[in-house]
């Protein structure tokens, strides 16, 4: 398999990751979207994982939604009506 030099990640997702990184939190694009892009499949569900705690994500972004499970906390950043999820430790 040949890996592309760059994956087609939506600008909104890149902006979220850039803002988290600028605030000092390591951030990665993960999950099915990365897999699908490597396989050449279309995908609109991009997830980020970050070292930023949920409270910090809520502070950095104006519109967020928080959900929690026993395994992880998920904070979705809402941009132009689209939720982009970012997961971290509870």
C-alpha atoms as a PDB file:
ATOM      1  CA  UNK A   1       0.000   0.000   0.000  1.00  0.00           C
ATOM      2  CA  UNK A   2       1.280   3.440  -0.893  1.00  0.00           C
ATOM      3  CA  UNK A   3       0.464   6.130   1.634  1.00  0.00           C
ATOM      4  CA  UNK A   4      -0.560   9.553   0.302  1.00  0.00           C
ATOM      5  CA  UNK A   5       1.485  12.583   1.295  1.00  0.00           C
ATOM      6  CA  UNK A   6      -1.651  14.172   2.745  1.00  0.00           C
ATOM      7  CA  UNK A   7      -5.140  12.919   3.547  1.00  0.00           C
ATOM      8  CA  UNK A   8      -8.159  14.996   2.435  1.00  0.00           C
ATOM      9  CA  UNK A   9      -9.195  16.152   5.903  1.00  0.00           C
ATOM     10  CA  UNK A  10     -11.933  18.833   5.928  1.00  0.00           C
ATOM     11  CA  UNK A  11     -10.786  22.386   6.698  1.00  0.00           C
ATOM     12  CA  UNK A  12     -13.078  22.548   9.749  1.00  0.00           C
ATOM     13  CA  UNK A  13     -11.337  19.509  11.277  1.00  0.00           C
ATOM     14  CA  UNK A  14      -7.887  20.944  10.537  1.00  0.00           C
ATOM     15  CA  UNK A  15      -8.904  24.255  12.169  1.00  0.00           C
ATOM     16  CA  UNK A  16     -10.083  22.461  15.322  1.00  0.00           C
ATOM     17  CA  UNK A  17      -6.846  20.442  15.532  1.00  0.00           C
ATOM     18  CA  UNK A  18      -4.745  23.552  14.886  1.00  0.00           C
ATOM     19  CA  UNK A  19      -6.507  25.475  17.659  1.00  0.00           C
ATOM     20  CA  UNK A  20      -5.998  22.603  20.121  1.00  0.00           C
ATOM     21  CA  UNK A  21      -2.320  22.296  19.137  1.00  0.00           C
ATOM     22  CA  UNK A  22      -1.832  26.083  19.459  1.00  0.00           C
ATOM     23  CA  UNK A  23      -3.211  25.818  23.005  1.00  0.00           C
ATOM     24  CA  UNK A  24      -0.496  23.237  23.735  1.00  0.00           C
ATOM     25  CA  UNK A  25      -2.487  19.996  23.365  1.00  0.00           C
ATOM     26  CA  UNK A  26      -1.274  17.194  21.128  1.00  0.00           C
ATOM     27  CA  UNK A  27      -4.101  16.276  18.728  1.00  0.00           C
ATOM     28  CA  UNK A  28      -4.517  13.458  16.201  1.00  0.00           C
ATOM     29  CA  UNK A  29      -7.047  12.551  13.522  1.00  0.00           C
ATOM     30  CA  UNK A  30      -8.076   8.947  14.237  1.00  0.00           C
ATOM     31  CA  UNK A  31     -10.564   6.198  13.478  1.00  0.00           C
ATOM     32  CA  UNK A  32     -12.561   5.088  10.493  1.00  0.00           C
ATOM     33  CA  UNK A  33     -12.052   8.288   8.515  1.00  0.00           C
ATOM     34  CA  UNK A  34      -8.298   7.716   8.399  1.00  0.00           C
ATOM     35  CA  UNK A  35      -8.809   4.082   7.361  1.00  0.00           C
ATOM     36  CA  UNK A  36     -11.390   4.997   4.708  1.00  0.00           C
ATOM     37  CA  UNK A  37      -9.190   7.737   3.265  1.00  0.00           C
ATOM     38  CA  UNK A  38      -6.243   5.352   3.001  1.00  0.00           C
ATOM     39  CA  UNK A  39      -8.528   2.912   1.160  1.00  0.00           C
ATOM     40  CA  UNK A  40      -9.757   5.666  -1.157  1.00  0.00           C
ATOM     41  CA  UNK A  41     -13.295   5.618   0.268  1.00  0.00           C
ATOM     42  CA  UNK A  42     -15.358   8.736   0.920  1.00  0.00           C
ATOM     43  CA  UNK A  43     -15.906   9.598   4.571  1.00  0.00           C
ATOM     44  CA  UNK A  44     -17.522  12.519   6.385  1.00  0.00           C
ATOM     45  CA  UNK A  45     -17.080  11.356   9.993  1.00  0.00           C
ATOM     46  CA  UNK A  46     -13.726  12.565  11.264  1.00  0.00           C
ATOM     47  CA  UNK A  47     -12.696  12.055  14.880  1.00  0.00           C
ATOM     48  CA  UNK A  48      -9.881  13.685  16.798  1.00  0.00           C
ATOM     49  CA  UNK A  49      -8.174  12.519  19.936  1.00  0.00           C
ATOM     50  CA  UNK A  50      -6.380  15.075  22.064  1.00  0.00           C
ATOM     51  CA  UNK A  51      -4.554  15.554  25.340  1.00  0.00           C
ATOM     52  CA  UNK A  52      -6.898  18.474  26.090  1.00  0.00           C
ATOM     53  CA  UNK A  53      -9.347  17.757  28.911  1.00  0.00           C
ATOM     54  CA  UNK A  54     -13.045  18.164  28.046  1.00  0.00           C
ATOM     55  CA  UNK A  55     -13.309  21.369  30.107  1.00  0.00           C
ATOM     56  CA  UNK A  56     -10.474  22.907  28.075  1.00  0.00           C
ATOM     57  CA  UNK A  57     -12.143  21.955  24.778  1.00  0.00           C
ATOM     58  CA  UNK A  58     -15.315  23.638  26.019  1.00  0.00           C
ATOM     59  CA  UNK A  59     -13.291  26.738  26.951  1.00  0.00           C
ATOM     60  CA  UNK A  60     -11.562  26.923  23.562  1.00  0.00           C
ATOM     61  CA  UNK A  61     -14.663  26.445  21.400  1.00  0.00           C
ATOM     62  CA  UNK A  62     -17.911  28.387  21.579  1.00  0.00           C
ATOM     63  CA  UNK A  63     -20.274  25.549  20.591  1.00  0.00           C
ATOM     64  CA  UNK A  64     -19.676  22.118  22.113  1.00  0.00           C
ATOM     65  CA  UNK A  65     -21.668  19.100  23.253  1.00  0.00           C
ATOM     66  CA  UNK A  66     -20.397  16.702  25.919  1.00  0.00           C
ATOM     67  CA  UNK A  67     -21.201  12.992  26.343  1.00  0.00           C
ATOM     68  CA  UNK A  68     -19.530  10.507  28.662  1.00  0.00           C
ATOM     69  CA  UNK A  69     -19.193   6.741  28.785  1.00  0.00           C
ATOM     70  CA  UNK A  70     -17.296   4.527  31.249  1.00  0.00           C
ATOM     71  CA  UNK A  71     -14.363   4.285  28.803  1.00  0.00           C
ATOM     72  CA  UNK A  72     -13.927   7.863  27.564  1.00  0.00           C
ATOM     73  CA  UNK A  73     -15.293  11.372  27.448  1.00  0.00           C
ATOM     74  CA  UNK A  74     -16.419  12.780  24.129  1.00  0.00           C
ATOM     75  CA  UNK A  75     -16.724  16.473  23.463  1.00  0.00           C
ATOM     76  CA  UNK A  76     -18.147  17.405  20.077  1.00  0.00           C
ATOM     77  CA  UNK A  77     -17.214  20.755  18.579  1.00  0.00           C
ATOM     78  CA  UNK A  78     -20.066  22.118  16.466  1.00  0.00           C
ATOM     79  CA  UNK A  79     -19.090  24.074  13.359  1.00  0.00           C
ATOM     80  CA  UNK A  80     -21.534  25.090  10.631  1.00  0.00           C
ATOM     81  CA  UNK A  81     -24.035  22.591  11.995  1.00  0.00           C
ATOM     82  CA  UNK A  82     -21.590  19.656  11.767  1.00  0.00           C
ATOM     83  CA  UNK A  83     -20.375  17.935  14.950  1.00  0.00           C
ATOM     84  CA  UNK A  84     -16.695  16.975  14.989  1.00  0.00           C
ATOM     85  CA  UNK A  85     -15.855  14.677  17.888  1.00  0.00           C
ATOM     86  CA  UNK A  86     -12.819  14.868  20.086  1.00  0.00           C
ATOM     87  CA  UNK A  87     -12.181  12.149  22.641  1.00  0.00           C
ATOM     88  CA  UNK A  88     -10.023  12.214  25.704  1.00  0.00           C
ATOM     89  CA  UNK A  89      -9.725  10.519  29.056  1.00  0.00           C
ATOM     90  CA  UNK A  90     -12.660  10.911  31.492  1.00  0.00           C
END
